[in-house]
Amino acid sequence: MGGIELQPGSDHMTDMTPAPSTPAPKPKASGIKPRPRPQVMRLTDAAAQRILELSKRADSDIVGLRVGIKNGGCAGQSYTVEYAHEIRPTDEVVEDKGVKILVDPKAVLFLLGTEMDYKVDKMSATFVFNNPNQTGACGCGESVQLTAAKVDG
């Protein structure tokens, strides 16, 4: 038991030092392995290729792209994509097809299971989010309505 003991040859309290403590026994494994964490997002080949191109063209060093959601727009929310210059301690880091996506922690439940794609047509080129948590979108295509993913306990 840890405590303070008198050292041999000492007869007063000022010579006390902490007694060596014994480590607490480790709990025995119950044979139950933790369930692996699901990957928040996955990328198509086109999205990964575009992220690589953007990374090479960035004005300064970046570690990947930061993806999140913000409130606003016709339907209530919109996706955000920006250069990430650092990995924050709270970021959910997704590595897929050789690139890094950093997911804002407030967006994880809204983006769980999302596939990020990159589409090019005659009038535009943009990242597209194929999100199972999307319940609606506005006509202009700039904003969406999302619900948080239901995670099994």
Protein backbone atom coordinates (compact mmCIF):
# COMPACT_ATOMS: atom_id res chain seq x y z
CA MET A 1 0.00 0.00 0.00
CA GLY A 2 1.43 3.38 -1.00
CA GLY A 3 2.09 5.88 1.74
CA ILE A 4 4.88 7.67 3.56
CA GLU A 5 7.29 5.71 5.73
CA LEU A 6 10.18 6.71 7.94
CA GLN A 7 13.54 5.83 6.44
CA PRO A 8 15.77 3.50 8.48
CA GLY A 9 17.82 5.44 11.01
CA SER A 10 15.49 8.42 10.96
CA ASP A 11 13.60 9.49 14.04
CA HIS A 12 11.75 12.58 12.85
CA MET A 13 9.18 13.47 10.22
CA THR A 14 11.35 15.76 8.05
CA ASP A 15 13.27 12.79 6.61
CA MET A 16 10.17 11.14 5.18
CA THR A 17 10.07 10.11 1.55
CA PRO A 18 7.24 8.48 -0.34
CA ALA A 19 7.22 4.70 -0.17
CA PRO A 20 7.55 2.91 -3.46
CA SER A 21 4.17 2.28 -4.94
CA THR A 22 3.15 -0.97 -6.56
CA PRO A 23 1.37 -0.80 -9.84
CA ALA A 24 -2.31 -1.65 -9.81
CA PRO A 25 -3.10 -4.99 -11.38
CA LYS A 26 -4.27 -4.75 -14.97
CA PRO A 27 -7.85 -5.81 -15.58
CA LYS A 28 -8.12 -9.11 -17.38
CA ALA A 29 -9.36 -8.97 -20.93
CA SER A 30 -12.87 -10.27 -21.23
CA GLY A 31 -12.28 -11.53 -24.75
CA ILE A 32 -14.44 -8.78 -26.22
CA LYS A 33 -12.71 -6.74 -28.88
CA PRO A 34 -13.81 -3.15 -29.49
CA ARG A 35 -15.82 -2.68 -32.65
CA PRO A 36 -13.75 -0.99 -35.38
CA ARG A 37 -14.64 2.63 -36.03
CA PRO A 38 -16.37 3.17 -39.35
CA GLN A 39 -14.60 5.38 -41.87
CA VAL A 40 -16.49 8.68 -41.91
CA MET A 41 -16.09 9.31 -45.65
CA ARG A 42 -14.69 7.62 -48.71
CA LEU A 43 -13.45 9.12 -51.96
CA THR A 44 -13.99 8.24 -55.58
CA ASP A 45 -10.94 8.04 -57.82
CA ALA A 46 -11.97 11.35 -59.42
CA ALA A 47 -12.18 13.12 -56.03
CA ALA A 48 -8.81 11.74 -54.91
CA GLN A 49 -7.21 12.84 -58.19
CA ARG A 50 -8.65 16.35 -57.86
CA ILE A 51 -7.46 16.64 -54.25
CA LEU A 52 -3.94 15.67 -55.38
CA GLU A 53 -4.07 18.36 -58.09
CA LEU A 54 -5.29 20.97 -55.62
CA SER A 55 -2.60 20.00 -53.11
CA LYS A 56 0.12 20.59 -55.72
CA ARG A 57 -1.32 23.98 -56.72
CA ALA A 58 -1.78 25.33 -53.16
CA ASP A 59 0.09 28.56 -52.35
CA SER A 60 1.54 27.03 -49.17
CA ASP A 61 2.05 23.58 -47.68
CA ILE A 62 -1.18 21.80 -46.83
CA VAL A 63 -1.86 18.49 -45.10
CA GLY A 64 -5.10 17.83 -46.97
CA LEU A 65 -8.60 19.23 -47.38
CA ARG A 66 -10.88 20.07 -44.45
CA VAL A 67 -14.51 19.10 -45.01
CA GLY A 68 -17.40 20.26 -42.87
CA ILE A 69 -20.90 21.67 -42.93
CA LYS A 70 -22.21 25.12 -42.08
CA ASN A 71 -25.67 26.45 -41.42
CA GLY A 72 -27.27 28.59 -44.10
CA GLY A 73 -28.75 28.50 -47.56
CA CYS A 74 -32.22 27.64 -48.80
CA ALA A 75 -32.30 24.15 -47.32
CA GLY A 76 -30.49 25.00 -44.08
CA GLN A 77 -26.95 23.64 -44.46
CA SER A 78 -24.13 23.49 -46.98
CA TYR A 79 -20.90 21.57 -47.34
CA THR A 80 -17.57 23.33 -46.82
CA VAL A 81 -14.24 22.37 -48.39
CA GLU A 82 -11.04 24.28 -47.66
CA TYR A 83 -7.29 23.80 -47.52
CA ALA A 84 -6.05 22.36 -44.23
CA HIS A 85 -2.66 23.67 -43.13
CA GLU A 86 -2.58 21.65 -39.92
CA ILE A 87 -4.28 18.68 -38.32
CA ARG A 88 -6.25 19.80 -35.29
CA PRO A 89 -6.47 17.47 -32.29
CA THR A 90 -10.24 17.13 -32.79
CA ASP A 91 -10.16 16.46 -36.55
CA GLU A 92 -11.33 13.10 -37.83
CA VAL A 93 -8.57 12.14 -40.25
CA VAL A 94 -9.64 10.09 -43.27
CA GLU A 95 -6.91 8.68 -45.49
CA ASP A 96 -8.23 7.24 -48.72
CA LYS A 97 -6.56 6.63 -52.10
CA GLY A 98 -3.38 8.42 -51.02
CA VAL A 99 -4.96 11.70 -49.85
CA LYS A 100 -6.10 13.10 -46.51
CA ILE A 101 -9.49 14.54 -45.69
CA LEU A 102 -9.88 16.20 -42.30
CA VAL A 103 -13.46 16.15 -41.10
CA ASP A 104 -14.65 18.85 -38.71
CA PRO A 105 -15.76 17.07 -35.51
CA LYS A 106 -19.13 18.87 -35.56
CA ALA A 107 -19.82 17.39 -39.00
CA VAL A 108 -18.89 13.74 -38.37
CA LEU A 109 -22.40 12.46 -37.63
CA PHE A 110 -23.80 14.33 -40.63
CA LEU A 111 -21.12 12.99 -43.00
CA LEU A 112 -20.93 9.38 -41.77
CA GLY A 113 -21.13 7.09 -44.80
CA THR A 114 -20.67 9.88 -47.35
CA GLU A 115 -18.90 9.34 -50.65
CA MET A 116 -17.09 12.41 -51.96
CA ASP A 117 -16.92 12.58 -55.75
CA TYR A 118 -15.69 15.14 -58.29
CA LYS A 119 -17.87 15.87 -61.33
CA VAL A 120 -17.03 17.88 -64.41
CA ASP A 121 -19.65 18.94 -66.97
CA LYS A 122 -19.94 21.68 -69.59
CA MET A 123 -20.90 24.42 -67.13
CA SER A 124 -19.18 23.46 -63.86
CA ALA A 125 -16.69 21.32 -62.01
CA THR A 126 -17.38 20.58 -58.35
CA PHE A 127 -17.08 18.16 -55.49
CA VAL A 128 -20.29 16.20 -55.05
CA PHE A 129 -21.30 14.59 -51.76
CA ASN A 130 -23.33 11.39 -52.04
CA ASN A 131 -24.61 11.44 -48.47
CA PRO A 132 -27.04 8.87 -47.01
CA ASN A 133 -27.92 11.41 -44.28
CA GLN A 134 -29.21 14.01 -46.75
CA THR A 135 -32.97 14.41 -46.46
CA GLY A 136 -33.45 17.33 -48.86
CA ALA A 137 -31.78 19.90 -51.08
CA CYS A 138 -32.68 23.26 -52.55
CA GLY A 139 -33.28 23.80 -56.25
CA CYS A 140 -30.03 25.68 -56.79
CA GLY A 141 -27.96 22.74 -55.50
CA GLU A 142 -25.93 24.89 -53.11
CA SER A 143 -27.52 23.82 -49.85
CA VAL A 144 -28.84 20.62 -48.31
CA GLN A 145 -30.84 19.35 -45.40
CA LEU A 146 -29.04 16.75 -43.28
CA THR A 147 -29.90 14.59 -40.31
CA ALA A 148 -27.35 13.05 -37.98
CA ALA A 149 -26.53 9.41 -38.66
CA LYS A 150 -27.96 6.88 -36.25
CA VAL A 151 -25.06 5.03 -34.65
CA ASP A 152 -25.63 1.62 -33.10
CA GLY A 153 -24.58 1.52 -29.46
